[in-house]
Amino acid sequence: MIIRPYTDTDEQGWLRCRVLAFLNTAYFDNVLQKKAHYDRPSIELVAIEQNKVVGLIDIEYEETPRTICTAYNTVGGMIWHVAVHPDYQHRRIGEKLLEAALKEAKTAKLTYLEAWTRDNPPIPRWYEKMRFTQKYAYHHLYFDETALEKYDLSVPAQVHPMTMFAHYTGSDPDVLNRASRRHLCMCYVKRII
């Protein structure tokens, strides 16, 4: 296996790896048809084995504090994507990708990395194993048509909401229980020394 910078010829492999890696997680419905391209500088790495993308990490980073990240008043990098193909998991590929990305982050003089993830148990455990700490949390709420009937949404009469996705920063159990699906969304940070 080699870890190298992402190139445009990796896009289909990158997409397949990400979709399959996310399939059995709380982000199963977060499917991309194109890889993101970043406005700011980025660290984009892929793990390749047998000419196949088996892992990936994308970090967009700041040149001015708090233009992407939120945790500290110093320049940081946001981990937008980190994934390992299911057939290659539990082989430390994610850890090796992070190690390679951290070397580049130090060269770019970043002071920390920030990542947001949902409450899918193996993922927060991985961040904690990699010495990230949880900084913030809020809820992602999904409402189906039945759940939406419990709310008075101000929309024109011709608009009939069937589903809704919302960020919820409160803690009212009644609001949480009305959702058809809910996830705790957590921010993890890692200081770069």
Protein backbone atom coordinates (compact mmCIF):
# COMPACT_ATOMS: atom_id res chain seq x y z
CA MET A 1 0.00 0.00 0.00
CA ILE A 2 1.19 3.51 -0.76
CA ILE A 3 -0.10 6.85 0.42
CA ARG A 4 0.18 9.66 -2.08
CA PRO A 5 -1.51 12.93 -3.04
CA TYR A 6 -4.92 12.65 -4.69
CA THR A 7 -5.03 13.27 -8.47
CA ASP A 8 -8.08 13.88 -10.66
CA THR A 9 -7.69 10.38 -12.14
CA ASP A 10 -8.51 9.00 -8.64
CA GLU A 11 -12.00 10.52 -8.55
CA GLN A 12 -14.07 7.40 -9.34
CA GLY A 13 -12.05 5.27 -6.93
CA TRP A 14 -12.29 8.01 -4.29
CA LEU A 15 -16.08 8.15 -4.69
CA ARG A 16 -16.47 4.35 -4.54
CA CYS A 17 -14.27 4.10 -1.47
CA ARG A 18 -16.18 6.85 0.34
CA VAL A 19 -19.64 5.48 -0.53
CA LEU A 20 -18.75 1.96 0.59
CA ALA A 21 -17.01 3.19 3.74
CA PHE A 22 -20.05 5.27 4.74
CA LEU A 23 -22.66 2.63 3.80
CA ASN A 24 -22.97 1.02 7.24
CA THR A 25 -22.56 4.21 9.25
CA ALA A 26 -24.84 6.99 10.47
CA TYR A 27 -23.85 8.88 7.28
CA PHE A 28 -25.20 6.13 4.97
CA ASP A 29 -27.30 8.61 2.99
CA ASN A 30 -24.53 11.19 2.49
CA VAL A 31 -23.68 10.09 -1.06
CA LEU A 32 -21.53 12.26 -3.31
CA GLN A 33 -21.46 12.07 -7.10
CA LYS A 34 -18.38 14.28 -7.43
CA LYS A 35 -15.40 14.81 -5.21
CA ALA A 36 -15.26 18.19 -3.52
CA HIS A 37 -12.73 20.74 -4.71
CA TYR A 38 -11.65 23.31 -2.16
CA ASP A 39 -11.38 27.09 -2.38
CA ARG A 40 -8.61 27.19 0.21
CA PRO A 41 -5.39 25.17 0.46
CA SER A 42 -5.91 21.48 1.15
CA ILE A 43 -4.26 18.21 1.99
CA GLU A 44 -5.82 15.47 -0.12
CA LEU A 45 -4.31 12.00 0.21
CA VAL A 46 -5.29 8.54 -0.97
CA ALA A 47 -4.14 5.08 0.09
CA ILE A 48 -3.60 2.86 -2.94
CA GLU A 49 -3.36 -0.92 -2.98
CA GLN A 50 -3.33 -2.94 -6.19
CA ASN A 51 -4.12 0.25 -8.16
CA LYS A 52 -7.30 0.76 -6.12
CA VAL A 53 -8.22 3.62 -3.77
CA VAL A 54 -8.65 1.87 -0.41
CA GLY A 55 -8.54 4.95 1.84
CA LEU A 56 -8.72 8.73 1.69
CA ILE A 57 -8.39 11.87 3.75
CA ASP A 58 -9.26 15.44 2.71
CA ILE A 59 -8.33 18.40 4.89
CA GLU A 60 -9.07 21.98 3.85
CA TYR A 61 -7.10 24.47 5.89
CA GLU A 62 -7.18 28.07 6.90
CA GLU A 63 -4.80 30.89 6.25
CA THR A 64 -6.80 33.13 8.60
CA PRO A 65 -8.17 31.72 11.89
CA ARG A 66 -11.88 30.83 12.09
CA THR A 67 -12.57 30.97 8.37
CA ILE A 68 -13.26 27.20 8.28
CA CYS A 69 -12.67 25.82 11.75
CA THR A 70 -14.34 26.93 14.98
CA ALA A 71 -12.42 25.48 17.90
CA TYR A 72 -9.55 27.93 18.43
CA ASN A 73 -8.31 31.37 17.35
CA THR A 74 -5.35 29.89 15.49
CA VAL A 75 -5.11 28.40 11.99
CA GLY A 76 -6.61 24.93 11.71
CA GLY A 77 -7.57 22.33 9.18
CA MET A 78 -11.02 20.78 8.70
CA ILE A 79 -11.13 17.07 7.99
CA TRP A 80 -13.96 16.98 5.48
CA HIS A 81 -13.52 13.34 4.52
CA VAL A 82 -11.72 10.36 5.97
CA ALA A 83 -12.71 6.87 4.87
CA VAL A 84 -11.36 3.36 4.42
CA HIS A 85 -12.90 0.85 2.02
CA PRO A 86 -14.73 -1.85 4.09
CA ASP A 87 -12.63 -4.67 2.61
CA TYR A 88 -9.49 -2.94 3.92
CA GLN A 89 -10.60 -1.76 7.36
CA HIS A 90 -8.80 -2.73 10.58
CA ARG A 91 -5.39 -2.55 8.88
CA ARG A 92 -4.40 0.89 10.27
CA ILE A 93 -4.95 2.58 6.90
CA GLY A 94 -6.90 5.46 8.47
CA GLU A 95 -4.16 5.92 11.03
CA LYS A 96 -1.47 5.96 8.32
CA LEU A 97 -3.45 8.49 6.28
CA LEU A 98 -3.80 10.71 9.35
CA GLU A 99 -0.07 10.41 10.13
CA ALA A 100 0.82 11.46 6.57
CA ALA A 101 -1.70 14.32 6.70
CA LEU A 102 -0.29 15.52 10.04
CA LYS A 103 3.18 15.81 8.51
CA GLU A 104 1.76 18.04 5.78
CA ALA A 105 -0.29 19.99 8.35
CA LYS A 106 2.88 20.73 10.34
CA THR A 107 4.62 21.94 7.18
CA ALA A 108 1.62 24.22 6.53
CA LYS A 109 2.00 25.51 10.13
CA LEU A 110 -1.48 24.41 11.20
CA THR A 111 -2.03 24.33 14.96
CA TYR A 112 -4.95 21.89 15.07
CA LEU A 113 -7.30 19.68 13.10
CA GLU A 114 -11.07 19.70 13.48
CA ALA A 115 -13.50 16.98 12.40
CA TRP A 116 -17.25 16.53 12.74
CA THR A 117 -18.84 13.09 12.94
CA ARG A 118 -22.01 11.40 14.06
CA ASP A 119 -22.66 9.00 16.89
CA ASN A 120 -21.73 5.84 14.98
CA PRO A 121 -19.77 4.13 17.83
CA PRO A 122 -16.61 3.01 15.98
CA ILE A 123 -15.97 6.48 14.52
CA PRO A 124 -15.80 8.53 17.76
CA ARG A 125 -13.68 5.71 19.25
CA TRP A 126 -11.26 6.02 16.30
CA TYR A 127 -10.92 9.79 16.79
CA GLU A 128 -10.31 9.28 20.51
CA LYS A 129 -7.71 6.59 19.76
CA MET A 130 -6.01 9.12 17.45
CA ARG A 131 -5.91 11.55 20.41
CA PHE A 132 -8.67 13.88 19.29
CA THR A 133 -10.91 15.29 22.01
CA GLN A 134 -14.59 16.12 21.74
CA LYS A 135 -15.17 19.88 21.80
CA TYR A 136 -18.84 20.46 20.82
CA ALA A 137 -22.00 18.52 19.98
CA TYR A 138 -25.49 19.15 18.63
CA HIS A 139 -28.14 16.99 16.96
CA HIS A 140 -28.95 16.18 13.35
CA LEU A 141 -32.69 15.55 13.15
CA TYR A 142 -34.62 13.96 10.30
CA PHE A 143 -38.38 14.24 10.04
CA ASP A 144 -40.56 12.12 7.77
CA GLU A 145 -44.06 13.15 6.70
CA THR A 146 -45.67 11.73 9.86
CA ALA A 147 -43.20 13.51 12.13
CA LEU A 148 -43.66 16.78 10.23
CA GLU A 149 -47.41 16.69 10.90
CA LYS A 150 -46.55 17.50 14.54
CA TYR A 151 -45.06 20.85 13.52
CA ASP A 152 -46.70 23.97 12.16
CA LEU A 153 -44.31 24.86 9.35
CA SER A 154 -44.86 28.23 7.75
CA VAL A 155 -44.80 27.36 4.06
CA PRO A 156 -47.07 28.34 1.17
CA ALA A 157 -50.22 26.21 0.80
CA GLN A 158 -48.89 24.70 -2.43
CA VAL A 159 -45.74 23.40 -0.69
CA HIS A 160 -46.11 20.03 1.03
CA PRO A 161 -42.94 19.08 2.95
CA MET A 162 -42.37 15.33 2.88
CA THR A 163 -39.08 15.20 4.75
CA MET A 164 -36.85 17.62 6.59
CA PHE A 165 -33.28 17.67 7.88
CA ALA A 166 -32.45 20.05 10.72
CA HIS A 167 -29.65 21.03 13.08
CA TYR A 168 -30.86 21.16 16.69
CA THR A 169 -28.73 22.82 19.35
CA GLY A 170 -31.23 22.48 22.20
CA SER A 171 -31.83 19.62 24.60
CA ASP A 172 -35.64 19.37 24.84
CA PRO A 173 -36.43 15.61 24.84
CA ASP A 174 -39.82 16.32 23.25
CA VAL A 175 -38.15 17.84 20.17
CA LEU A 176 -35.65 14.98 19.99
CA ASN A 177 -38.38 12.36 20.32
CA ARG A 178 -40.47 13.88 17.52
CA ALA A 179 -37.75 13.24 14.97
CA SER A 180 -37.98 10.13 12.80
CA ARG A 181 -34.20 9.76 13.03
CA ARG A 182 -31.65 11.61 15.11
CA HIS A 183 -27.90 11.61 15.52
CA LEU A 184 -25.57 13.38 17.86
CA CYS A 185 -23.09 15.31 15.70
CA MET A 186 -19.78 15.78 17.51
CA CYS A 187 -16.79 18.02 16.87
CA TYR A 188 -13.39 16.46 17.57
CA VAL A 189 -10.15 18.44 17.67
CA LYS A 190 -6.50 17.48 17.75
CA ARG A 191 -3.75 19.93 18.60
CA ILE A 192 -0.71 19.73 16.33
CA ILE A 193 2.54 19.99 18.22
